[in-house]
Amino acid sequence: MIAGLVLMLAGLSTPVEESTVPNAVIERFVNTAAHRVHVTLFDNRVVVVSAREGEDQVVYRRTTLPPTEYKAYLEVIRQNAAQLSLDDNRASIRSVASRARLYVAIDSGEVVELRFSPFQVLDKALAQLNTIVDDLQARAIQSHPAEEELRTWEPRVGDRVQLMTGALAIVTRIFDGGVIELRQEDASVTQFVAPDGRLEVISGLVEARR
């Protein structure tokens, strides 16, 4: 049974890639009698999920969305945030005793706080935002740590990787466009891998040259 839900939206303007401190684009807290789940999408395209049972952290996952997918999520979040029925939800605060809260940054720059019951019928826009966060949560939970490491990997000559076949290979050359040349350590086999093909060829990073 859901005891509390917090959904926060902020920083819906176009993200600044140079920012060293990422801002939360959309954030949700789900509290139950047994555990708490915290999901955040940051403006550097990173999704972070943490789950706690009592005071113990039992799950921590993160994944980085591809740029095109991040932009698609951002557009849907913007559209639904603009369509939230703010007046209706403000009125419902008086009659609903609940810890559920929504923080949304509207076009004027104002951050509006809404409270609602997790059990009430949500308007279409709010329901869609919850669905978006559910999807982001599932993606982060299902992502493998090695896969996330490969997504953010910046290859260097000398890096060692494990291939999907189980063989070990070393990065011998890097070409324009991010194409890398891999040479298997136990065989005279060389292959070229484009950035969008790394997850299909490489299973994990064994050693990164500093």
N, C-alpha and C. Protein backbone atom coordinates (compact mmCIF):
# COMPACT_ATOMS: atom_id res chain seq x y z
N MET A 1 0.86 -1.20 0.00
CA MET A 1 0.00 0.00 0.00
C MET A 1 0.88 1.24 0.00
N ILE A 2 0.62 2.14 -0.89
CA ILE A 2 1.43 3.36 -0.98
C ILE A 2 1.05 4.30 0.15
N ALA A 3 2.06 4.67 0.95
CA ALA A 3 1.81 5.58 2.05
C ALA A 3 2.09 7.01 1.67
N GLY A 4 2.93 7.21 0.69
CA GLY A 4 3.24 8.58 0.29
C GLY A 4 3.92 8.62 -1.05
N LEU A 5 3.72 9.68 -1.78
CA LEU A 5 4.32 9.84 -3.10
C LEU A 5 4.74 11.28 -3.27
N VAL A 6 5.94 11.50 -3.72
CA VAL A 6 6.40 12.85 -4.02
C VAL A 6 6.92 12.85 -5.44
N LEU A 7 6.44 13.75 -6.24
CA LEU A 7 6.92 13.89 -7.62
C LEU A 7 7.36 15.32 -7.79
N MET A 8 8.59 15.53 -8.26
CA MET A 8 9.13 16.88 -8.39
C MET A 8 9.60 17.09 -9.81
N LEU A 9 9.28 18.25 -10.36
CA LEU A 9 9.78 18.63 -11.67
C LEU A 9 10.46 19.97 -11.54
N ALA A 10 11.61 20.12 -12.20
CA ALA A 10 12.33 21.39 -12.15
C ALA A 10 13.29 21.45 -13.30
N GLY A 11 13.74 22.67 -13.61
CA GLY A 11 14.75 22.82 -14.63
C GLY A 11 14.32 22.32 -15.99
N LEU A 12 13.12 22.67 -16.45
CA LEU A 12 12.63 22.17 -17.72
C LEU A 12 13.14 22.97 -18.90
N SER A 13 14.01 23.93 -18.64
CA SER A 13 14.59 24.68 -19.74
C SER A 13 15.63 23.81 -20.44
N THR A 14 16.11 24.26 -21.60
CA THR A 14 17.09 23.48 -22.34
C THR A 14 18.33 23.26 -21.50
N PRO A 15 18.79 22.01 -21.33
CA PRO A 15 19.92 21.72 -20.47
C PRO A 15 21.21 22.35 -20.99
N VAL A 16 22.06 22.73 -20.04
CA VAL A 16 23.36 23.28 -20.39
C VAL A 16 24.39 22.20 -20.18
N GLU A 17 24.98 21.69 -21.27
CA GLU A 17 25.88 20.57 -21.18
C GLU A 17 27.11 20.89 -20.34
N GLU A 18 27.53 22.19 -20.29
CA GLU A 18 28.75 22.53 -19.59
C GLU A 18 28.57 22.58 -18.07
N SER A 19 27.33 22.51 -17.59
CA SER A 19 27.08 22.61 -16.16
C SER A 19 27.76 21.47 -15.42
N THR A 20 28.51 21.79 -14.35
CA THR A 20 29.19 20.76 -13.58
C THR A 20 28.27 20.15 -12.54
N VAL A 21 27.22 20.83 -12.16
CA VAL A 21 26.27 20.32 -11.19
C VAL A 21 24.93 20.08 -11.89
N PRO A 22 24.56 18.82 -12.08
CA PRO A 22 23.31 18.54 -12.80
C PRO A 22 22.09 18.93 -11.98
N ASN A 23 21.05 19.36 -12.67
CA ASN A 23 19.79 19.70 -12.03
C ASN A 23 18.76 18.62 -12.31
N ALA A 24 17.85 18.42 -11.36
CA ALA A 24 16.80 17.43 -11.54
C ALA A 24 15.76 17.96 -12.52
N VAL A 25 15.42 17.17 -13.52
CA VAL A 25 14.36 17.52 -14.46
C VAL A 25 13.03 17.03 -13.93
N ILE A 26 13.01 15.80 -13.45
CA ILE A 26 11.82 15.22 -12.85
C ILE A 26 12.26 14.26 -11.76
N GLU A 27 11.54 14.28 -10.64
CA GLU A 27 11.99 13.50 -9.50
C GLU A 27 10.77 12.97 -8.75
N ARG A 28 10.85 11.71 -8.33
CA ARG A 28 9.71 11.11 -7.62
C ARG A 28 10.20 10.28 -6.44
N PHE A 29 9.46 10.41 -5.33
CA PHE A 29 9.69 9.60 -4.15
C PHE A 29 8.43 8.78 -3.89
N VAL A 30 8.58 7.49 -3.72
CA VAL A 30 7.45 6.63 -3.38
C VAL A 30 7.76 5.98 -2.04
N ASN A 31 6.92 6.23 -1.05
CA ASN A 31 7.10 5.68 0.28
C ASN A 31 6.03 4.64 0.58
N THR A 32 6.45 3.47 1.00
CA THR A 32 5.52 2.44 1.44
C THR A 32 5.87 2.07 2.88
N ALA A 33 5.09 1.17 3.43
CA ALA A 33 5.36 0.74 4.80
C ALA A 33 6.70 0.02 4.90
N ALA A 34 7.14 -0.57 3.79
CA ALA A 34 8.34 -1.39 3.82
C ALA A 34 9.57 -0.73 3.20
N HIS A 35 9.36 0.14 2.23
CA HIS A 35 10.52 0.70 1.54
C HIS A 35 10.22 2.06 0.93
N ARG A 36 11.29 2.69 0.46
CA ARG A 36 11.19 3.97 -0.23
C ARG A 36 11.97 3.88 -1.54
N VAL A 37 11.39 4.42 -2.60
CA VAL A 37 12.06 4.42 -3.90
C VAL A 37 12.17 5.85 -4.40
N HIS A 38 13.35 6.22 -4.81
CA HIS A 38 13.65 7.58 -5.26
C HIS A 38 14.16 7.51 -6.69
N VAL A 39 13.48 8.19 -7.61
CA VAL A 39 13.85 8.19 -9.03
C VAL A 39 14.11 9.62 -9.47
N THR A 40 15.22 9.86 -10.13
CA THR A 40 15.56 11.21 -10.61
C THR A 40 16.10 11.15 -12.02
N LEU A 41 15.59 12.04 -12.87
CA LEU A 41 16.18 12.27 -14.19
C LEU A 41 16.85 13.63 -14.13
N PHE A 42 18.17 13.66 -14.39
CA PHE A 42 18.93 14.89 -14.35
C PHE A 42 19.11 15.47 -15.75
N ASP A 43 19.47 16.74 -15.81
CA ASP A 43 19.61 17.38 -17.11
C ASP A 43 20.92 17.03 -17.82
N ASN A 44 21.72 16.14 -17.23
CA ASN A 44 22.87 15.59 -17.95
C ASN A 44 22.53 14.21 -18.52
N ARG A 45 21.22 13.89 -18.58
CA ARG A 45 20.67 12.66 -19.17
C ARG A 45 20.81 11.43 -18.28
N VAL A 46 21.28 11.61 -17.06
CA VAL A 46 21.47 10.48 -16.15
C VAL A 46 20.20 10.22 -15.36
N VAL A 47 19.81 8.94 -15.29
CA VAL A 47 18.69 8.51 -14.46
C VAL A 47 19.25 7.73 -13.28
N VAL A 48 18.84 8.12 -12.08
CA VAL A 48 19.32 7.46 -10.86
C VAL A 48 18.13 6.93 -10.09
N VAL A 49 18.24 5.67 -9.65
CA VAL A 49 17.20 5.05 -8.83
C VAL A 49 17.86 4.52 -7.57
N SER A 50 17.30 4.87 -6.42
CA SER A 50 17.77 4.28 -5.17
C SER A 50 16.55 3.77 -4.41
N ALA A 51 16.70 2.60 -3.81
CA ALA A 51 15.61 2.00 -3.04
C ALA A 51 16.13 1.66 -1.66
N ARG A 52 15.37 2.01 -0.67
CA ARG A 52 15.79 1.74 0.71
C ARG A 52 14.72 0.94 1.45
N GLU A 53 15.19 0.00 2.23
CA GLU A 53 14.31 -0.74 3.14
C GLU A 53 14.73 -0.38 4.54
N GLY A 54 13.90 0.37 5.23
CA GLY A 54 14.30 0.93 6.51
C GLY A 54 15.40 1.94 6.28
N GLU A 55 16.52 1.77 6.97
CA GLU A 55 17.66 2.67 6.79
C GLU A 55 18.73 2.07 5.90
N ASP A 56 18.49 0.88 5.36
CA ASP A 56 19.47 0.22 4.53
C ASP A 56 19.19 0.45 3.05
N GLN A 57 20.22 0.84 2.30
CA GLN A 57 20.06 1.01 0.86
C GLN A 57 20.23 -0.35 0.20
N VAL A 58 19.21 -0.80 -0.47
CA VAL A 58 19.23 -2.15 -1.04
C VAL A 58 19.46 -2.14 -2.54
N VAL A 59 19.15 -1.03 -3.21
CA VAL A 59 19.32 -0.96 -4.66
C VAL A 59 19.84 0.43 -5.02
N TYR A 60 20.82 0.46 -5.90
CA TYR A 60 21.26 1.74 -6.48
C TYR A 60 21.61 1.46 -7.93
N ARG A 61 20.90 2.09 -8.84
CA ARG A 61 21.15 1.91 -10.26
C ARG A 61 21.18 3.27 -10.95
N ARG A 62 21.96 3.35 -12.00
CA ARG A 62 21.99 4.56 -12.81
C ARG A 62 22.20 4.16 -14.25
N THR A 63 21.64 4.96 -15.13
CA THR A 63 21.84 4.75 -16.56
C THR A 63 21.81 6.10 -17.24
N THR A 64 22.43 6.18 -18.38
CA THR A 64 22.48 7.44 -19.14
C THR A 64 21.67 7.28 -20.41
N LEU A 65 20.70 8.15 -20.61
CA LEU A 65 19.86 8.09 -21.79
C LEU A 65 20.62 8.60 -23.01
N PRO A 66 20.43 7.99 -24.17
CA PRO A 66 20.99 8.54 -25.40
C PRO A 66 20.40 9.94 -25.63
N PRO A 67 21.14 10.85 -26.26
CA PRO A 67 20.67 12.23 -26.45
C PRO A 67 19.29 12.34 -27.09
N THR A 68 19.01 11.53 -28.12
CA THR A 68 17.72 11.64 -28.81
C THR A 68 16.58 11.20 -27.89
N GLU A 69 16.81 10.15 -27.10
CA GLU A 69 15.76 9.68 -26.19
C GLU A 69 15.54 10.68 -25.06
N TYR A 70 16.63 11.27 -24.57
CA TYR A 70 16.48 12.27 -23.52
C TYR A 70 15.64 13.45 -24.00
N LYS A 71 15.90 13.92 -25.22
CA LYS A 71 15.14 15.04 -25.77
C LYS A 71 13.67 14.68 -25.91
N ALA A 72 13.38 13.44 -26.28
CA ALA A 72 12.00 13.00 -26.42
C ALA A 72 11.30 12.99 -25.06
N TYR A 73 11.98 12.46 -24.04
CA TYR A 73 11.41 12.48 -22.69
C TYR A 73 11.17 13.91 -22.23
N LEU A 74 12.16 14.78 -22.46
CA LEU A 74 12.06 16.16 -22.01
C LEU A 74 10.86 16.86 -22.64
N GLU A 75 10.62 16.61 -23.93
CA GLU A 75 9.50 17.25 -24.61
C GLU A 75 8.17 16.79 -24.04
N VAL A 76 8.04 15.49 -23.77
CA VAL A 76 6.79 14.97 -23.20
C VAL A 76 6.58 15.51 -21.79
N ILE A 77 7.66 15.62 -21.02
CA ILE A 77 7.55 16.18 -19.66
C ILE A 77 7.08 17.62 -19.73
N ARG A 78 7.65 18.40 -20.64
CA ARG A 78 7.25 19.81 -20.80
C ARG A 78 5.77 19.92 -21.16
N GLN A 79 5.34 19.13 -22.12
CA GLN A 79 3.95 19.19 -22.58
C GLN A 79 2.98 18.88 -21.46
N ASN A 80 3.26 17.84 -20.70
CA ASN A 80 2.34 17.45 -19.63
C ASN A 80 2.40 18.39 -18.43
N ALA A 81 3.60 18.93 -18.15
CA ALA A 81 3.71 19.90 -17.06
C ALA A 81 2.87 21.13 -17.37
N ALA A 82 2.83 21.53 -18.64
CA ALA A 82 2.04 22.70 -19.05
C ALA A 82 0.54 22.44 -18.97
N GLN A 83 0.14 21.17 -18.98
CA GLN A 83 -1.27 20.82 -18.98
C GLN A 83 -1.80 20.40 -17.62
N LEU A 84 -0.96 20.47 -16.59
CA LEU A 84 -1.42 20.08 -15.26
C LEU A 84 -2.56 20.96 -14.80
N SER A 85 -3.55 20.36 -14.20
CA SER A 85 -4.70 21.10 -13.68
C SER A 85 -4.36 21.64 -12.30
N LEU A 86 -3.62 22.74 -12.29
CA LEU A 86 -3.13 23.28 -11.03
C LEU A 86 -4.26 23.69 -10.10
N ASP A 87 -5.28 24.37 -10.64
CA ASP A 87 -6.37 24.84 -9.79
C ASP A 87 -7.13 23.68 -9.16
N ASP A 88 -7.38 22.63 -9.94
CA ASP A 88 -8.11 21.48 -9.42
C ASP A 88 -7.35 20.82 -8.28
N ASN A 89 -6.05 20.66 -8.45
CA ASN A 89 -5.25 20.01 -7.43
C ASN A 89 -5.08 20.89 -6.20
N ARG A 90 -4.99 22.20 -6.40
CA ARG A 90 -4.92 23.09 -5.25
C ARG A 90 -6.18 22.99 -4.40
N ALA A 91 -7.33 22.89 -5.07
CA ALA A 91 -8.60 22.80 -4.34
C ALA A 91 -8.70 21.49 -3.57
N SER A 92 -8.10 20.43 -4.11
CA SER A 92 -8.23 19.13 -3.47
C SER A 92 -7.41 19.02 -2.19
N ILE A 93 -6.48 19.96 -1.97
CA ILE A 93 -5.65 19.90 -0.77
C ILE A 93 -6.52 19.97 0.48
N ARG A 94 -7.60 20.73 0.43
CA ARG A 94 -8.42 20.94 1.61
C ARG A 94 -9.13 19.67 2.06
N SER A 95 -9.42 18.77 1.13
CA SER A 95 -10.23 17.61 1.47
C SER A 95 -9.46 16.30 1.51
N VAL A 96 -8.17 16.34 1.16
CA VAL A 96 -7.39 15.11 1.10
C VAL A 96 -6.24 15.18 2.10
N ALA A 97 -6.24 14.23 3.04
CA ALA A 97 -5.15 14.14 4.00
C ALA A 97 -4.12 13.18 3.42
N SER A 98 -3.05 13.71 2.88
CA SER A 98 -2.08 12.86 2.19
C SER A 98 -0.72 13.50 2.21
N ARG A 99 0.31 12.65 2.15
CA ARG A 99 1.67 13.16 2.07
C ARG A 99 2.13 13.28 0.64
N ALA A 100 1.26 13.04 -0.31
CA ALA A 100 1.65 13.12 -1.71
C ALA A 100 1.83 14.58 -2.12
N ARG A 101 2.95 14.87 -2.80
CA ARG A 101 3.24 16.24 -3.21
C ARG A 101 3.81 16.25 -4.62
N LEU A 102 3.51 17.30 -5.32
CA LEU A 102 4.06 17.52 -6.66
C LEU A 102 4.65 18.92 -6.70
N TYR A 103 5.91 19.03 -7.09
CA TYR A 103 6.55 20.32 -7.27
C TYR A 103 6.83 20.49 -8.75
N VAL A 104 6.31 21.53 -9.35
CA VAL A 104 6.49 21.72 -10.79
C VAL A 104 6.90 23.15 -11.09
N ALA A 105 7.90 23.30 -11.95
CA ALA A 105 8.33 24.63 -12.39
C ALA A 105 7.55 24.98 -13.64
N ILE A 106 6.68 25.98 -13.53
CA ILE A 106 5.86 26.38 -14.67
C ILE A 106 6.60 27.43 -15.48
N ASP A 107 6.00 27.83 -16.61
CA ASP A 107 6.69 28.71 -17.56
C ASP A 107 7.15 30.03 -16.95
N SER A 108 6.40 30.53 -15.97
CA SER A 108 6.76 31.81 -15.36
C SER A 108 8.01 31.70 -14.49
N GLY A 109 8.45 30.48 -14.22
CA GLY A 109 9.60 30.29 -13.35
C GLY A 109 9.19 29.96 -11.94
N GLU A 110 7.90 30.12 -11.63
CA GLU A 110 7.39 29.81 -10.30
C GLU A 110 7.40 28.30 -10.08
N VAL A 111 7.76 27.89 -8.88
CA VAL A 111 7.68 26.49 -8.50
C VAL A 111 6.41 26.29 -7.69
N VAL A 112 5.50 25.50 -8.23
CA VAL A 112 4.20 25.29 -7.61
C VAL A 112 4.19 23.95 -6.89
N GLU A 113 3.65 23.96 -5.67
CA GLU A 113 3.51 22.72 -4.92
C GLU A 113 2.06 22.26 -4.94
N LEU A 114 1.84 21.02 -5.32
CA LEU A 114 0.52 20.43 -5.33
C LEU A 114 0.50 19.22 -4.40
N ARG A 115 -0.63 19.02 -3.74
CA ARG A 115 -0.77 17.84 -2.89
C ARG A 115 -1.99 17.06 -3.34
N PHE A 116 -1.86 15.75 -3.32
CA PHE A 116 -2.97 14.91 -3.76
C PHE A 116 -2.82 13.53 -3.13
N SER A 117 -3.89 12.79 -3.14
CA SER A 117 -3.86 11.43 -2.62
C SER A 117 -3.36 10.48 -3.71
N PRO A 118 -2.48 9.54 -3.38
CA PRO A 118 -2.05 8.55 -4.37
C PRO A 118 -3.20 7.67 -4.85
N PHE A 119 -4.31 7.69 -4.10
CA PHE A 119 -5.42 6.82 -4.44
C PHE A 119 -6.50 7.52 -5.25
N GLN A 120 -6.41 8.83 -5.40
CA GLN A 120 -7.42 9.52 -6.18
C GLN A 120 -7.17 9.36 -7.67
N VAL A 121 -8.19 9.58 -8.45
CA VAL A 121 -8.04 9.52 -9.90
C VAL A 121 -7.28 10.76 -10.35
N LEU A 122 -6.12 10.56 -10.95
CA LEU A 122 -5.28 11.68 -11.38
C LEU A 122 -5.71 12.17 -12.74
N ASP A 123 -5.49 13.46 -12.99
CA ASP A 123 -5.80 13.97 -14.31
C ASP A 123 -4.80 13.40 -15.32
N LYS A 124 -5.11 13.53 -16.57
CA LYS A 124 -4.34 12.88 -17.63
C LYS A 124 -2.88 13.27 -17.61
N ALA A 125 -2.60 14.57 -17.42
CA ALA A 125 -1.22 15.05 -17.47
C ALA A 125 -0.39 14.47 -16.33
N LEU A 126 -0.94 14.47 -15.11
CA LEU A 126 -0.22 13.95 -13.96
C LEU A 126 -0.02 12.44 -14.08
N ALA A 127 -1.05 11.76 -14.56
CA ALA A 127 -0.93 10.31 -14.77
C ALA A 127 0.17 10.00 -15.78
N GLN A 128 0.28 10.83 -16.83
CA GLN A 128 1.31 10.61 -17.85
C GLN A 128 2.70 10.83 -17.27
N LEU A 129 2.85 11.83 -16.41
CA LEU A 129 4.14 12.10 -15.77
C LEU A 129 4.56 10.92 -14.89
N ASN A 130 3.60 10.35 -14.17
CA ASN A 130 3.90 9.18 -13.35
C ASN A 130 4.34 8.01 -14.21
N THR A 131 3.69 7.85 -15.36
CA THR A 131 4.06 6.78 -16.28
C THR A 131 5.48 6.97 -16.80
N ILE A 132 5.83 8.22 -17.10
CA ILE A 132 7.19 8.52 -17.57
C ILE A 132 8.22 8.12 -16.52
N VAL A 133 7.95 8.46 -15.26
CA VAL A 133 8.90 8.11 -14.20
C VAL A 133 8.96 6.60 -14.01
N ASP A 134 7.82 5.92 -14.13
CA ASP A 134 7.83 4.45 -14.07
C ASP A 134 8.75 3.87 -15.13
N ASP A 135 8.67 4.41 -16.33
CA ASP A 135 9.49 3.93 -17.43
C ASP A 135 10.98 4.19 -17.18
N LEU A 136 11.29 5.38 -16.69
CA LEU A 136 12.68 5.71 -16.37
C LEU A 136 13.22 4.80 -15.27
N GLN A 137 12.38 4.53 -14.28
CA GLN A 137 12.79 3.64 -13.19
C GLN A 137 13.09 2.24 -13.71
N ALA A 138 12.22 1.73 -14.57
CA ALA A 138 12.42 0.38 -15.13
C ALA A 138 13.71 0.32 -15.95
N ARG A 139 13.98 1.36 -16.72
CA ARG A 139 15.19 1.37 -17.55
C ARG A 139 16.44 1.34 -16.69
N ALA A 140 16.44 2.11 -15.60
CA ALA A 140 17.62 2.14 -14.74
C ALA A 140 17.80 0.82 -14.00
N ILE A 141 16.71 0.25 -13.52
CA ILE A 141 16.79 -1.00 -12.77
C ILE A 141 17.28 -2.13 -13.68
N GLN A 142 16.84 -2.13 -14.93
CA GLN A 142 17.19 -3.21 -15.85
C GLN A 142 18.58 -3.05 -16.45
N SER A 143 19.15 -1.84 -16.34
CA SER A 143 20.47 -1.62 -16.92
C SER A 143 21.53 -2.35 -16.12
N HIS A 144 22.48 -2.93 -16.82
CA HIS A 144 23.59 -3.63 -16.18
C HIS A 144 24.69 -2.62 -15.89
N PRO A 145 25.35 -2.70 -14.71
CA PRO A 145 26.43 -1.75 -14.41
C PRO A 145 27.49 -1.68 -15.50
N ALA A 146 27.83 -2.84 -16.09
CA ALA A 146 28.85 -2.84 -17.15
C ALA A 146 28.35 -2.11 -18.38
N GLU A 147 27.05 -2.23 -18.66
CA GLU A 147 26.48 -1.53 -19.81
C GLU A 147 26.54 -0.03 -19.62
N GLU A 148 26.23 0.42 -18.40
CA GLU A 148 26.30 1.86 -18.12
C GLU A 148 27.73 2.36 -18.25
N GLU A 149 28.69 1.58 -17.79
CA GLU A 149 30.09 1.97 -17.88
C GLU A 149 30.51 2.12 -19.34
N LEU A 150 30.03 1.22 -20.20
CA LEU A 150 30.36 1.29 -21.62
C LEU A 150 29.73 2.50 -22.29
N ARG A 151 28.52 2.88 -21.84
CA ARG A 151 27.85 4.04 -22.44
C ARG A 151 28.64 5.32 -22.20
N THR A 152 29.31 5.41 -21.07
CA THR A 152 30.03 6.63 -20.73
C THR A 152 31.54 6.50 -20.97
N TRP A 153 31.96 5.38 -21.49
CA TRP A 153 33.38 5.09 -21.72
C TRP A 153 33.95 5.96 -22.83
N GLU A 154 35.10 6.56 -22.58
CA GLU A 154 35.85 7.30 -23.59
C GLU A 154 37.12 6.51 -23.88
N PRO A 155 37.12 5.72 -24.96
CA PRO A 155 38.22 4.80 -25.23
C PRO A 155 39.57 5.49 -25.36
N ARG A 156 40.61 4.78 -24.91
CA ARG A 156 41.99 5.22 -25.08
C ARG A 156 42.80 4.02 -25.57
N VAL A 157 43.82 4.30 -26.33
CA VAL A 157 44.69 3.23 -26.80
C VAL A 157 45.29 2.53 -25.57
N GLY A 158 45.16 1.22 -25.54
CA GLY A 158 45.67 0.45 -24.42
C GLY A 158 44.58 -0.07 -23.50
N ASP A 159 43.35 0.46 -23.62
CA ASP A 159 42.24 -0.04 -22.82
C ASP A 159 41.97 -1.51 -23.17
N ARG A 160 41.64 -2.30 -22.16
CA ARG A 160 41.32 -3.72 -22.37
C ARG A 160 39.84 -3.95 -22.11
N VAL A 161 39.22 -4.72 -22.99
CA VAL A 161 37.79 -5.00 -22.89
C VAL A 161 37.56 -6.49 -23.05
N GLN A 162 36.38 -6.92 -22.60
CA GLN A 162 35.96 -8.29 -22.85
C GLN A 162 34.87 -8.28 -23.90
N LEU A 163 35.01 -9.14 -24.89
CA LEU A 163 34.04 -9.20 -25.98
C LEU A 163 32.88 -10.10 -25.60
N MET A 164 31.80 -9.99 -26.36
CA MET A 164 30.63 -10.83 -26.11
C MET A 164 30.97 -12.32 -26.25
N THR A 165 32.01 -12.61 -27.01
CA THR A 165 32.44 -14.00 -27.19
C THR A 165 33.22 -14.53 -26.00
N GLY A 166 33.57 -13.63 -25.07
CA GLY A 166 34.37 -14.01 -23.92
C GLY A 166 35.84 -13.71 -24.09
N ALA A 167 36.28 -13.44 -25.30
CA ALA A 167 37.69 -13.14 -25.56
C ALA A 167 38.05 -11.76 -25.03
N LEU A 168 39.33 -11.56 -24.72
CA LEU A 168 39.84 -10.27 -24.28
C LEU A 168 40.47 -9.56 -25.47
N ALA A 169 40.30 -8.24 -25.52
CA ALA A 169 40.85 -7.46 -26.63
C ALA A 169 41.39 -6.15 -26.11
N ILE A 170 42.28 -5.54 -26.87
CA ILE A 170 42.88 -4.28 -26.50
C ILE A 170 42.61 -3.25 -27.59
N VAL A 171 42.39 -2.01 -27.16
CA VAL A 171 42.18 -0.92 -28.12
C VAL A 171 43.54 -0.52 -28.68
N THR A 172 43.69 -0.67 -29.99
CA THR A 172 44.98 -0.37 -30.62
C THR A 172 44.98 0.96 -31.38
N ARG A 173 43.81 1.36 -31.87
CA ARG A 173 43.73 2.65 -32.57
C ARG A 173 42.33 3.23 -32.39
N ILE A 174 42.26 4.56 -32.46
CA ILE A 174 40.98 5.27 -32.39
C ILE A 174 40.90 6.21 -33.58
N PHE A 175 39.81 6.15 -34.32
CA PHE A 175 39.65 6.94 -35.53
C PHE A 175 38.63 8.07 -35.31
N ASP A 176 38.61 9.00 -36.27
CA ASP A 176 37.61 10.06 -36.22
C ASP A 176 36.22 9.45 -36.19
N GLY A 177 35.34 10.06 -35.42
CA GLY A 177 33.97 9.55 -35.31
C GLY A 177 33.81 8.52 -34.21
N GLY A 178 34.90 8.21 -33.51
CA GLY A 178 34.80 7.29 -32.38
C GLY A 178 34.97 5.82 -32.71
N VAL A 179 35.25 5.50 -33.98
CA VAL A 179 35.48 4.11 -34.35
C VAL A 179 36.77 3.63 -33.70
N ILE A 180 36.74 2.44 -33.08
CA ILE A 180 37.93 1.91 -32.43
C ILE A 180 38.37 0.61 -33.10
N GLU A 181 39.66 0.38 -33.06
CA GLU A 181 40.22 -0.87 -33.56
C GLU A 181 40.54 -1.74 -32.35
N LEU A 182 40.03 -2.97 -32.36
CA LEU A 182 40.27 -3.91 -31.27
C LEU A 182 41.09 -5.08 -31.78
N ARG A 183 42.10 -5.45 -31.02
CA ARG A 183 42.91 -6.63 -31.36
C ARG A 183 42.78 -7.65 -30.24
N GLN A 184 42.32 -8.85 -30.57
CA GLN A 184 42.19 -9.89 -29.57
C GLN A 184 43.56 -10.30 -29.06
N GLU A 185 43.64 -10.51 -27.74
CA GLU A 185 44.92 -10.80 -27.12
C GLU A 185 45.42 -12.21 -27.41
N ASP A 186 44.52 -13.16 -27.59
CA ASP A 186 44.93 -14.54 -27.77
C ASP A 186 44.85 -15.01 -29.22
N ALA A 187 44.66 -14.05 -30.13
CA ALA A 187 44.57 -14.41 -31.54
C ALA A 187 44.89 -13.18 -32.38
N SER A 188 45.35 -13.42 -33.59
CA SER A 188 45.68 -12.31 -34.48
C SER A 188 44.43 -11.86 -35.23
N VAL A 189 43.42 -11.46 -34.44
CA VAL A 189 42.14 -11.03 -35.00
C VAL A 189 41.93 -9.57 -34.65
N THR A 190 41.65 -8.78 -35.66
CA THR A 190 41.41 -7.35 -35.46
C THR A 190 40.03 -7.01 -35.99
N GLN A 191 39.31 -6.16 -35.27
CA GLN A 191 37.99 -5.73 -35.73
C GLN A 191 37.80 -4.26 -35.41
N PHE A 192 36.91 -3.62 -36.19
CA PHE A 192 36.62 -2.20 -36.02
C PHE A 192 35.19 -2.07 -35.50
N VAL A 193 35.03 -1.24 -34.48
CA VAL A 193 33.74 -1.10 -33.83
C VAL A 193 33.34 0.37 -33.77
N ALA A 194 32.17 0.68 -34.32
CA ALA A 194 31.64 2.06 -34.27
C ALA A 194 31.00 2.30 -32.90
N PRO A 195 30.86 3.57 -32.49
CA PRO A 195 30.27 3.87 -31.17
C PRO A 195 28.91 3.23 -30.94
N ASP A 196 28.05 3.23 -31.96
CA ASP A 196 26.71 2.67 -31.76
C ASP A 196 26.69 1.14 -31.82
N GLY A 197 27.85 0.52 -32.02
CA GLY A 197 27.92 -0.93 -32.05
C GLY A 197 28.66 -1.54 -30.88
N ARG A 198 29.12 -0.71 -29.97
CA ARG A 198 29.93 -1.20 -28.85
C ARG A 198 29.17 -2.18 -27.96
N LEU A 199 27.90 -1.86 -27.65
CA LEU A 199 27.14 -2.72 -26.75
C LEU A 199 26.83 -4.08 -27.38
N GLU A 200 26.93 -4.17 -28.69
CA GLU A 200 26.68 -5.44 -29.36
C GLU A 200 27.94 -6.30 -29.44
N VAL A 201 29.11 -5.67 -29.31
CA VAL A 201 30.39 -6.38 -29.47
C VAL A 201 31.10 -6.58 -28.13
N ILE A 202 31.02 -5.55 -27.26
CA ILE A 202 31.78 -5.55 -26.00
C ILE A 202 30.85 -5.84 -24.83
N SER A 203 31.26 -6.75 -23.95
CA SER A 203 30.44 -7.07 -22.77
C SER A 203 30.86 -6.28 -21.54
N GLY A 204 32.10 -5.78 -21.52
CA GLY A 204 32.54 -5.03 -20.34
C GLY A 204 33.94 -4.47 -20.49
N LEU A 205 34.22 -3.46 -19.68
CA LEU A 205 35.54 -2.84 -19.65
C LEU A 205 36.38 -3.53 -18.58
N VAL A 206 37.52 -4.09 -18.98
CA VAL A 206 38.37 -4.83 -18.06
C VAL A 206 39.38 -3.90 -17.38
N GLU A 207 40.01 -3.07 -18.18
CA GLU A 207 41.03 -2.16 -17.64
C GLU A 207 41.10 -0.91 -18.50
N ALA A 208 40.96 0.25 -17.85
CA ALA A 208 41.04 1.52 -18.55
C ALA A 208 42.39 2.16 -18.31
N ARG A 209 43.07 2.50 -19.37
CA ARG A 209 44.38 3.12 -19.24
C ARG A 209 44.23 4.56 -18.79
N ARG A 210 44.95 4.96 -17.81
CA ARG A 210 44.87 6.31 -17.24
C ARG A 210 45.80 7.27 -17.96
